[in-house]
PDB file of all heavy atoms in Angstrom:
ATOM      1  N   LYS A   1       0.837  -1.198   0.000  1.00  0.00           N
ATOM      2  CA  LYS A   1       0.000   0.000   0.000  1.00  0.00           C
ATOM      3  C   LYS A   1       0.872   1.248   0.000  1.00  0.00           C
ATOM      4  O   LYS A   1       2.075   1.191   0.261  1.00  0.00           O
ATOM      5  CB  LYS A   1      -0.922   0.005   1.224  1.00  0.00           C
ATOM      6  CG  LYS A   1      -1.860  -1.191   1.317  1.00  0.00           C
ATOM      7  CD  LYS A   1      -3.005  -1.074   0.349  1.00  0.00           C
ATOM      8  CE  LYS A   1      -3.935  -2.266   0.388  1.00  0.00           C
ATOM      9  NZ  LYS A   1      -4.989  -2.212   1.340  1.00  0.00           N
ATOM     10  N   LYS A   2       0.251   2.379  -0.245  1.00  0.00           N
ATOM     11  CA  LYS A   2       0.944   3.665  -0.323  1.00  0.00           C
ATOM     12  C   LYS A   2       1.733   3.925   0.960  1.00  0.00           C
ATOM     13  O   LYS A   2       1.276   3.620   2.053  1.00  0.00           O
ATOM     14  CB  LYS A   2      -0.080   4.777  -0.539  1.00  0.00           C
ATOM     15  CG  LYS A   2       0.522   6.123  -0.780  1.00  0.00           C
ATOM     16  CD  LYS A   2      -0.541   7.146  -1.089  1.00  0.00           C
ATOM     17  CE  LYS A   2       0.133   8.467  -1.393  1.00  0.00           C
ATOM     18  NZ  LYS A   2      -0.805   9.457  -1.874  1.00  0.00           N
ATOM     19  N   ASN A   3       2.917   4.477   0.783  1.00  0.00           N
ATOM     20  CA  ASN A   3       3.811   4.837   1.891  1.00  0.00           C
ATOM     21  C   ASN A   3       4.264   3.640   2.730  1.00  0.00           C
ATOM     22  O   ASN A   3       4.682   3.808   3.871  1.00  0.00           O
ATOM     23  CB  ASN A   3       3.172   5.887   2.808  1.00  0.00           C
ATOM     24  CG  ASN A   3       2.920   7.176   2.074  1.00  0.00           C
ATOM     25  OD1 ASN A   3       3.728   7.597   1.250  1.00  0.00           O
ATOM     26  ND2 ASN A   3       1.792   7.799   2.355  1.00  0.00           N
ATOM     27  N   SER A   4       4.166   2.449   2.187  1.00  0.00           N
ATOM     28  CA  SER A   4       4.701   1.282   2.895  1.00  0.00           C
ATOM     29  C   SER A   4       6.179   1.126   2.538  1.00  0.00           C
ATOM     30  O   SER A   4       6.646   1.665   1.542  1.00  0.00           O
ATOM     31  CB  SER A   4       3.921   0.014   2.527  1.00  0.00           C
ATOM     32  OG  SER A   4       4.033  -0.266   1.148  1.00  0.00           O
ATOM     33  N   THR A   5       6.894   0.377   3.382  1.00  0.00           N
ATOM     34  CA  THR A   5       8.307   0.103   3.137  1.00  0.00           C
ATOM     35  C   THR A   5       8.513  -1.406   3.152  1.00  0.00           C
ATOM     36  O   THR A   5       8.080  -2.073   4.091  1.00  0.00           O
ATOM     37  CB  THR A   5       9.187   0.758   4.214  1.00  0.00           C
ATOM     38  OG1 THR A   5       8.976   2.176   4.175  1.00  0.00           O
ATOM     39  CG2 THR A   5      10.657   0.466   3.977  1.00  0.00           C
ATOM     40  N   VAL A   6       9.162  -1.915   2.130  1.00  0.00           N
ATOM     41  CA  VAL A   6       9.435  -3.346   2.019  1.00  0.00           C
ATOM     42  C   VAL A   6      10.915  -3.520   1.722  1.00  0.00           C
ATOM     43  O   VAL A   6      11.430  -2.951   0.755  1.00  0.00           O
ATOM     44  CB  VAL A   6       8.592  -3.999   0.899  1.00  0.00           C
ATOM     45  CG1 VAL A   6       8.900  -5.480   0.787  1.00  0.00           C
ATOM     46  CG2 VAL A   6       7.103  -3.769   1.136  1.00  0.00           C
ATOM     47  N   ILE A   7      11.596  -4.298   2.575  1.00  0.00           N
ATOM     48  CA  ILE A   7      13.014  -4.588   2.379  1.00  0.00           C
ATOM     49  C   ILE A   7      13.160  -6.106   2.350  1.00  0.00           C
ATOM     50  O   ILE A   7      12.878  -6.771   3.346  1.00  0.00           O
ATOM     51  CB  ILE A   7      13.862  -3.974   3.509  1.00  0.00           C
ATOM     52  CG1 ILE A   7      13.668  -2.460   3.545  1.00  0.00           C
ATOM     53  CG2 ILE A   7      15.334  -4.340   3.332  1.00  0.00           C
ATOM     54  CD1 ILE A   7      14.236  -1.787   4.774  1.00  0.00           C
ATOM     55  N   LEU A   8      13.582  -6.631   1.210  1.00  0.00           N
ATOM     56  CA  LEU A   8      13.741  -8.070   1.054  1.00  0.00           C
ATOM     57  C   LEU A   8      15.199  -8.391   0.767  1.00  0.00           C
ATOM     58  O   LEU A   8      15.781  -7.846  -0.175  1.00  0.00           O
ATOM     59  CB  LEU A   8      12.870  -8.601  -0.092  1.00  0.00           C
ATOM     60  CG  LEU A   8      11.362  -8.338  -0.002  1.00  0.00           C
ATOM     61  CD1 LEU A   8      10.661  -8.908  -1.227  1.00  0.00           C
ATOM     62  CD2 LEU A   8      10.784  -8.929   1.265  1.00  0.00           C
ATOM     63  N   GLY A   9      15.790  -9.281   1.573  1.00  0.00           N
ATOM     64  CA  GLY A   9      17.146  -9.747   1.324  1.00  0.00           C
ATOM     65  C   GLY A   9      17.176 -10.637   0.096  1.00  0.00           C
ATOM     66  O   GLY A   9      16.161 -10.860  -0.556  1.00  0.00           O
ATOM     67  N   LYS A  10      18.337 -11.206  -0.192  1.00  0.00           N
ATOM     68  CA  LYS A  10      18.438 -12.033  -1.399  1.00  0.00           C
ATOM     69  C   LYS A  10      18.099 -13.489  -1.099  1.00  0.00           C
ATOM     70  O   LYS A  10      18.179 -13.952   0.026  1.00  0.00           O
ATOM     71  CB  LYS A  10      19.818 -11.906  -2.036  1.00  0.00           C
ATOM     72  CG  LYS A  10      20.960 -12.323  -1.170  1.00  0.00           C
ATOM     73  CD  LYS A  10      22.270 -12.063  -1.896  1.00  0.00           C
ATOM     74  CE  LYS A  10      23.418 -12.292  -0.936  1.00  0.00           C
ATOM     75  NZ  LYS A  10      24.692 -12.034  -1.545  1.00  0.00           N
ATOM     76  N   ASN A  11      17.706 -14.166  -2.153  1.00  0.00           N
ATOM     77  CA  ASN A  11      17.396 -15.592  -2.122  1.00  0.00           C
ATOM     78  C   ASN A  11      16.270 -15.947  -1.154  1.00  0.00           C
ATOM     79  O   ASN A  11      16.343 -16.924  -0.417  1.00  0.00           O
ATOM     80  CB  ASN A  11      18.640 -16.425  -1.804  1.00  0.00           C
ATOM     81  CG  ASN A  11      19.679 -16.308  -2.890  1.00  0.00           C
ATOM     82  OD1 ASN A  11      19.351 -16.231  -4.068  1.00  0.00           O
ATOM     83  ND2 ASN A  11      20.934 -16.279  -2.498  1.00  0.00           N
ATOM     84  N   ILE A  12      15.204 -15.163  -1.173  1.00  0.00           N
ATOM     85  CA  ILE A  12      14.001 -15.509  -0.422  1.00  0.00           C
ATOM     86  C   ILE A  12      13.206 -16.472  -1.294  1.00  0.00           C
ATOM     87  O   ILE A  12      12.990 -16.223  -2.475  1.00  0.00           O
ATOM     88  CB  ILE A  12      13.182 -14.260  -0.075  1.00  0.00           C
ATOM     89  CG1 ILE A  12      13.996 -13.364   0.863  1.00  0.00           C
ATOM     90  CG2 ILE A  12      11.849 -14.645   0.558  1.00  0.00           C
ATOM     91  CD1 ILE A  12      13.361 -12.029   1.150  1.00  0.00           C
ATOM     92  N   VAL A  13      12.777 -17.576  -0.695  1.00  0.00           N
ATOM     93  CA  VAL A  13      12.066 -18.613  -1.438  1.00  0.00           C
ATOM     94  C   VAL A  13      10.686 -18.800  -0.822  1.00  0.00           C
ATOM     95  O   VAL A  13      10.541 -18.878   0.395  1.00  0.00           O
ATOM     96  CB  VAL A  13      12.832 -19.960  -1.378  1.00  0.00           C
ATOM     97  CG1 VAL A  13      12.058 -21.055  -2.084  1.00  0.00           C
ATOM     98  CG2 VAL A  13      14.224 -19.812  -1.978  1.00  0.00           C
ATOM     99  N   SER A  14       9.668 -18.879  -1.682  1.00  0.00           N
ATOM    100  CA  SER A  14       8.335 -19.262  -1.223  1.00  0.00           C
ATOM    101  C   SER A  14       7.842 -20.393  -2.113  1.00  0.00           C
ATOM    102  O   SER A  14       8.054 -20.386  -3.318  1.00  0.00           O
ATOM    103  CB  SER A  14       7.365 -18.075  -1.277  1.00  0.00           C
ATOM    104  OG  SER A  14       7.075 -17.710  -2.607  1.00  0.00           O
ATOM    105  N   ASP A  15       7.222 -21.363  -1.481  1.00  0.00           N
ATOM    106  CA  ASP A  15       6.620 -22.471  -2.224  1.00  0.00           C
ATOM    107  C   ASP A  15       5.114 -22.294  -2.216  1.00  0.00           C
ATOM    108  O   ASP A  15       4.518 -22.001  -1.179  1.00  0.00           O
ATOM    109  CB  ASP A  15       6.954 -23.814  -1.560  1.00  0.00           C
ATOM    110  CG  ASP A  15       8.329 -24.318  -1.931  1.00  0.00           C
ATOM    111  OD1 ASP A  15       8.886 -23.840  -2.933  1.00  0.00           O
ATOM    112  OD2 ASP A  15       8.856 -25.194  -1.226  1.00  0.00           O
ATOM    113  N   GLY A  16       4.510 -22.500  -3.359  1.00  0.00           N
ATOM    114  CA  GLY A  16       3.056 -22.472  -3.424  1.00  0.00           C
ATOM    115  C   GLY A  16       2.476 -21.107  -3.126  1.00  0.00           C
ATOM    116  O   GLY A  16       3.080 -20.081  -3.382  1.00  0.00           O
ATOM    117  N   ARG A  17       1.314 -21.116  -2.542  1.00  0.00           N
ATOM    118  CA  ARG A  17       0.553 -19.894  -2.267  1.00  0.00           C
ATOM    119  C   ARG A  17       1.044 -19.242  -0.986  1.00  0.00           C
ATOM    120  O   ARG A  17       0.917 -19.804   0.092  1.00  0.00           O
ATOM    121  CB  ARG A  17      -0.927 -20.241  -2.137  1.00  0.00           C
ATOM    122  CG  ARG A  17      -1.786 -19.086  -1.779  1.00  0.00           C
ATOM    123  CD  ARG A  17      -2.486 -18.563  -3.000  1.00  0.00           C
ATOM    124  NE  ARG A  17      -3.441 -17.546  -2.589  1.00  0.00           N
ATOM    125  CZ  ARG A  17      -3.439 -16.335  -3.089  1.00  0.00           C
ATOM    126  NH1 ARG A  17      -2.548 -16.000  -3.986  1.00  0.00           N
ATOM    127  NH2 ARG A  17      -4.324 -15.461  -2.708  1.00  0.00           N
ATOM    128  N   CYS A  18       1.599 -18.059  -1.086  1.00  0.00           N
ATOM    129  CA  CYS A  18       1.996 -17.241   0.061  1.00  0.00           C
ATOM    130  C   CYS A  18       1.441 -15.849  -0.160  1.00  0.00           C
ATOM    131  O   CYS A  18       1.308 -15.401  -1.288  1.00  0.00           O
ATOM    132  CB  CYS A  18       3.517 -17.171   0.188  1.00  0.00           C
ATOM    133  SG  CYS A  18       4.282 -18.744   0.581  1.00  0.00           S
ATOM    134  N   VAL A  19       1.119 -15.172   0.937  1.00  0.00           N
ATOM    135  CA  VAL A  19       0.554 -13.834   0.857  1.00  0.00           C
ATOM    136  C   VAL A  19       1.364 -12.900   1.741  1.00  0.00           C
ATOM    137  O   VAL A  19       1.643 -13.222   2.899  1.00  0.00           O
ATOM    138  CB  VAL A  19      -0.929 -13.827   1.314  1.00  0.00           C
ATOM    139  CG1 VAL A  19      -1.495 -12.423   1.295  1.00  0.00           C
ATOM    140  CG2 VAL A  19      -1.763 -14.764   0.466  1.00  0.00           C
ATOM    141  N   MET A  20       1.749 -11.743   1.201  1.00  0.00           N
ATOM    142  CA  MET A  20       2.422 -10.694   1.966  1.00  0.00           C
ATOM    143  C   MET A  20       1.679  -9.389   1.717  1.00  0.00           C
ATOM    144  O   MET A  20       1.628  -8.910   0.583  1.00  0.00           O
ATOM    145  CB  MET A  20       3.874 -10.534   1.525  1.00  0.00           C
ATOM    146  CG  MET A  20       4.763 -11.678   1.880  1.00  0.00           C
ATOM    147  SD  MET A  20       6.454 -11.304   1.362  1.00  0.00           S
ATOM    148  CE  MET A  20       6.884 -12.853   0.575  1.00  0.00           C
ATOM    149  N   ILE A  21       1.086  -8.841   2.787  1.00  0.00           N
ATOM    150  CA  ILE A  21       0.343  -7.588   2.688  1.00  0.00           C
ATOM    151  C   ILE A  21       1.031  -6.567   3.590  1.00  0.00           C
ATOM    152  O   ILE A  21       1.191  -6.810   4.786  1.00  0.00           O
ATOM    153  CB  ILE A  21      -1.120  -7.765   3.136  1.00  0.00           C
ATOM    154  CG1 ILE A  21      -1.808  -8.824   2.273  1.00  0.00           C
ATOM    155  CG2 ILE A  21      -1.865  -6.431   3.076  1.00  0.00           C
ATOM    156  CD1 ILE A  21      -3.160  -9.260   2.801  1.00  0.00           C
ATOM    157  N   VAL A  22       1.436  -5.446   3.007  1.00  0.00           N
ATOM    158  CA  VAL A  22       2.054  -4.369   3.775  1.00  0.00           C
ATOM    159  C   VAL A  22       1.156  -3.148   3.606  1.00  0.00           C
ATOM    160  O   VAL A  22       1.073  -2.567   2.520  1.00  0.00           O
ATOM    161  CB  VAL A  22       3.489  -4.080   3.314  1.00  0.00           C
ATOM    162  CG1 VAL A  22       4.134  -3.059   4.240  1.00  0.00           C
ATOM    163  CG2 VAL A  22       4.316  -5.362   3.270  1.00  0.00           C
ATOM    164  N   ASP A  23       0.456  -2.810   4.686  1.00  0.00           N
ATOM    165  CA  ASP A  23      -0.533  -1.743   4.644  1.00  0.00           C
ATOM    166  C   ASP A  23       0.125  -0.372   4.641  1.00  0.00           C
ATOM    167  O   ASP A  23       1.336  -0.250   4.848  1.00  0.00           O
ATOM    168  CB  ASP A  23      -1.467  -1.874   5.847  1.00  0.00           C
ATOM    169  CG  ASP A  23      -2.890  -1.466   5.521  1.00  0.00           C
ATOM    170  OD1 ASP A  23      -3.114  -0.841   4.468  1.00  0.00           O
ATOM    171  OD2 ASP A  23      -3.788  -1.782   6.319  1.00  0.00           O
ATOM    172  N   GLU A  24      -0.667   0.655   4.453  1.00  0.00           N
ATOM    173  CA  GLU A  24      -0.168   2.026   4.417  1.00  0.00           C
ATOM    174  C   GLU A  24       0.622   2.346   5.678  1.00  0.00           C
ATOM    175  O   GLU A  24       0.144   2.135   6.792  1.00  0.00           O
ATOM    176  CB  GLU A  24      -1.331   3.008   4.274  1.00  0.00           C
ATOM    177  CG  GLU A  24      -0.888   4.420   4.032  1.00  0.00           C
ATOM    178  CD  GLU A  24      -2.028   5.338   3.631  1.00  0.00           C
ATOM    179  OE1 GLU A  24      -3.085   4.844   3.212  1.00  0.00           O
ATOM    180  OE2 GLU A  24      -1.842   6.551   3.742  1.00  0.00           O
ATOM    181  N   GLY A  25       1.857   2.781   5.488  1.00  0.00           N
ATOM    182  CA  GLY A  25       2.727   3.117   6.610  1.00  0.00           C
ATOM    183  C   GLY A  25       3.416   1.921   7.246  1.00  0.00           C
ATOM    184  O   GLY A  25       4.228   2.076   8.145  1.00  0.00           O
ATOM    185  N   GLY A  26       3.118   0.697   6.795  1.00  0.00           N
ATOM    186  CA  GLY A  26       3.733  -0.507   7.346  1.00  0.00           C
ATOM    187  C   GLY A  26       5.166  -0.679   6.869  1.00  0.00           C
ATOM    188  O   GLY A  26       5.573  -0.128   5.843  1.00  0.00           O
ATOM    189  N   ARG A  27       5.939  -1.466   7.628  1.00  0.00           N
ATOM    190  CA  ARG A  27       7.343  -1.735   7.278  1.00  0.00           C
ATOM    191  C   ARG A  27       7.607  -3.229   7.440  1.00  0.00           C
ATOM    192  O   ARG A  27       7.538  -3.764   8.546  1.00  0.00           O
ATOM    193  CB  ARG A  27       8.274  -0.931   8.168  1.00  0.00           C
ATOM    194  CG  ARG A  27       9.742  -1.144   7.859  1.00  0.00           C
ATOM    195  CD  ARG A  27      10.623  -0.277   8.758  1.00  0.00           C
ATOM    196  NE  ARG A  27      12.027  -0.466   8.463  1.00  0.00           N
ATOM    197  CZ  ARG A  27      12.711   0.237   7.566  1.00  0.00           C
ATOM    198  NH1 ARG A  27      12.120   1.186   6.872  1.00  0.00           N
ATOM    199  NH2 ARG A  27      13.986  -0.001   7.362  1.00  0.00           N
ATOM    200  N   LEU A  28       7.926  -3.899   6.342  1.00  0.00           N
ATOM    201  CA  LEU A  28       8.250  -5.326   6.330  1.00  0.00           C
ATOM    202  C   LEU A  28       9.704  -5.490   5.942  1.00  0.00           C
ATOM    203  O   LEU A  28      10.127  -5.012   4.880  1.00  0.00           O
ATOM    204  CB  LEU A  28       7.358  -6.077   5.341  1.00  0.00           C
ATOM    205  CG  LEU A  28       7.678  -7.559   5.130  1.00  0.00           C
ATOM    206  CD1 LEU A  28       7.498  -8.345   6.433  1.00  0.00           C
ATOM    207  CD2 LEU A  28       6.806  -8.137   4.024  1.00  0.00           C
ATOM    208  N   GLU A  29      10.485  -6.168   6.809  1.00  0.00           N
ATOM    209  CA  GLU A  29      11.893  -6.441   6.541  1.00  0.00           C
ATOM    210  C   GLU A  29      12.106  -7.947   6.623  1.00  0.00           C
ATOM    211  O   GLU A  29      11.839  -8.549   7.662  1.00  0.00           O
ATOM    212  CB  GLU A  29      12.776  -5.761   7.585  1.00  0.00           C
ATOM    213  CG  GLU A  29      12.546  -4.287   7.749  1.00  0.00           C
ATOM    214  CD  GLU A  29      13.157  -3.740   9.029  1.00  0.00           C
ATOM    215  OE1 GLU A  29      14.126  -4.339   9.545  1.00  0.00           O
ATOM    216  OE2 GLU A  29      12.653  -2.722   9.514  1.00  0.00           O
ATOM    217  N   ILE A  30      12.566  -8.543   5.535  1.00  0.00           N
ATOM    218  CA  ILE A  30      12.855  -9.979   5.516  1.00  0.00           C
ATOM    219  C   ILE A  30      14.310 -10.150   5.104  1.00  0.00           C
ATOM    220  O   ILE A  30      14.727  -9.673   4.042  1.00  0.00           O
ATOM    221  CB  ILE A  30      11.924 -10.746   4.554  1.00  0.00           C
ATOM    222  CG1 ILE A  30      10.457 -10.532   4.942  1.00  0.00           C
ATOM    223  CG2 ILE A  30      12.276 -12.228   4.544  1.00  0.00           C
ATOM    224  CD1 ILE A  30       9.461 -11.214   4.017  1.00  0.00           C
ATOM    225  N   GLY A  31      15.082 -10.839   5.938  1.00  0.00           N
ATOM    226  CA  GLY A  31      16.494 -11.058   5.669  1.00  0.00           C
ATOM    227  C   GLY A  31      16.732 -12.054   4.546  1.00  0.00           C
ATOM    228  O   GLY A  31      15.805 -12.687   4.032  1.00  0.00           O
ATOM    229  N   SER A  32      17.966 -12.230   4.181  1.00  0.00           N
ATOM    230  CA  SER A  32      18.359 -13.158   3.106  1.00  0.00           C
ATOM    231  C   SER A  32      18.120 -14.611   3.516  1.00  0.00           C
ATOM    232  O   SER A  32      18.123 -14.950   4.690  1.00  0.00           O
ATOM    233  CB  SER A  32      19.834 -12.955   2.767  1.00  0.00           C
ATOM    234  OG  SER A  32      20.052 -11.666   2.260  1.00  0.00           O
TER     235      SER A  32
END
């Protein structure tokens, strides 16, 4: 969503159906 921050490290793997929702003003950080 608007004004959200998403930081994804390298080599993130997801199998099948996965959902990531980052709402307005939210901050999601996922390491490598």
